Structures are given as C-alpha cells and as structure tokens.
Amino acid sequence: MATETKRELRPRRTARASVSFPQDLYATLEQIAKGKKVSVAWVIRDAAKKYVGDQWPLLASQNSNDD
C-alpha cells in the first residue's frame, strides 16, 4: 500500500463516461453551454439529471442533494 497515491486512497464520488454525439447535436450543446456560461459537461450532467428525474421521480428526490 505504500506505493498507492492519494488519488487511489480517496473514495470515488463520480464516474467518468465517454460519449459520442452527432456533430449537429454537439454543436447545439456547445451553443447552450456558451449561452449559460458553463461547460458542455455541465449541460450534459444537467440534462441527464432531468431525464432521470422524469423517468424515476423517487430516485431524483433522493439525489437532489448531489448538486
């Protein structure tokens, strides 16, 4: 364990995903992000939270403190 880095010792609070988008959809995401002055990643996370909330409202209320 002495060779583990601090990063390996910390519990992971997020997961990373690699996603491909059609170019026109990604361009729209960029426009939305620019208009809101946030990153494209933020827009995608926000959209995913809203989608999950629409599909599973009880789960969304449990995760509302994750902002």
Protein backbone atom coordinates (compact mmCIF):
# COMPACT_ATOMS: atom_id res chain seq x y z
CA MET A 1 0.00 0.00 0.00
CA ALA A 2 2.92 2.33 0.41
CA THR A 3 3.06 2.80 -3.36
CA GLU A 4 -0.58 3.90 -3.70
CA THR A 5 -1.17 7.53 -4.49
CA LYS A 6 -3.55 9.80 -2.60
CA ARG A 7 -5.92 9.61 -5.56
CA GLU A 8 -6.19 5.82 -5.21
CA LEU A 9 -6.94 6.11 -1.48
CA ARG A 10 -9.83 8.57 -1.88
CA PRO A 11 -13.29 7.13 -2.44
CA ARG A 12 -14.61 7.92 -5.91
CA ARG A 13 -17.59 10.28 -5.86
CA THR A 14 -18.07 10.50 -9.62
CA ALA A 15 -17.83 8.22 -12.63
CA ARG A 16 -16.36 9.16 -15.98
CA ALA A 17 -18.09 8.28 -19.25
CA SER A 18 -17.03 8.71 -22.83
CA VAL A 19 -19.92 9.56 -25.12
CA SER A 20 -20.06 10.32 -28.84
CA PHE A 21 -22.64 12.73 -30.26
CA PRO A 22 -23.69 13.54 -33.80
CA GLN A 23 -21.93 16.75 -34.81
CA ASP A 24 -25.13 18.81 -35.03
CA LEU A 25 -26.24 17.74 -31.54
CA TYR A 26 -22.83 18.53 -30.08
CA ALA A 27 -22.87 21.95 -31.75
CA THR A 28 -26.22 22.62 -30.09
CA LEU A 29 -24.82 21.52 -26.72
CA GLU A 30 -21.91 23.93 -27.23
CA GLN A 31 -24.33 26.78 -28.01
CA ILE A 32 -26.36 26.04 -24.89
CA ALA A 33 -23.20 25.90 -22.77
CA LYS A 34 -21.90 29.16 -24.21
CA GLY A 35 -25.24 30.88 -23.58
CA LYS A 36 -25.31 29.69 -19.96
CA LYS A 37 -21.56 30.31 -19.49
CA VAL A 38 -20.96 26.74 -18.35
CA SER A 39 -19.15 23.73 -19.79
CA VAL A 40 -20.67 21.23 -22.20
CA ALA A 41 -20.13 18.61 -19.48
CA TRP A 42 -22.31 20.67 -17.11
CA VAL A 43 -25.09 20.85 -19.72
CA ILE A 44 -24.95 17.09 -20.25
CA ARG A 45 -24.98 16.35 -16.49
CA ASP A 46 -27.93 18.73 -16.05
CA ALA A 47 -29.82 17.08 -18.91
CA ALA A 48 -29.09 13.60 -17.54
CA LYS A 49 -30.35 14.59 -14.07
CA LYS A 50 -33.56 15.97 -15.58
CA TYR A 51 -34.04 12.83 -17.70
CA VAL A 52 -33.58 10.54 -14.71
CA GLY A 53 -35.94 12.73 -12.69
CA ASP A 54 -38.60 12.42 -15.38
CA GLN A 55 -38.17 8.65 -15.64
CA TRP A 56 -37.79 7.85 -11.92
CA PRO A 57 -39.11 10.72 -9.77
CA LEU A 58 -38.41 8.95 -6.46
CA LEU A 59 -34.76 8.45 -7.38
CA ALA A 60 -34.46 12.11 -8.39
CA SER A 61 -35.69 13.30 -4.99
CA GLN A 62 -33.08 11.10 -3.28
CA ASN A 63 -30.28 12.57 -5.41
CA SER A 64 -31.35 16.22 -5.24
CA ASN A 65 -28.61 16.96 -2.69
CA ASP A 66 -25.84 15.97 -5.15
CA ASP A 67 -25.65 19.43 -6.76
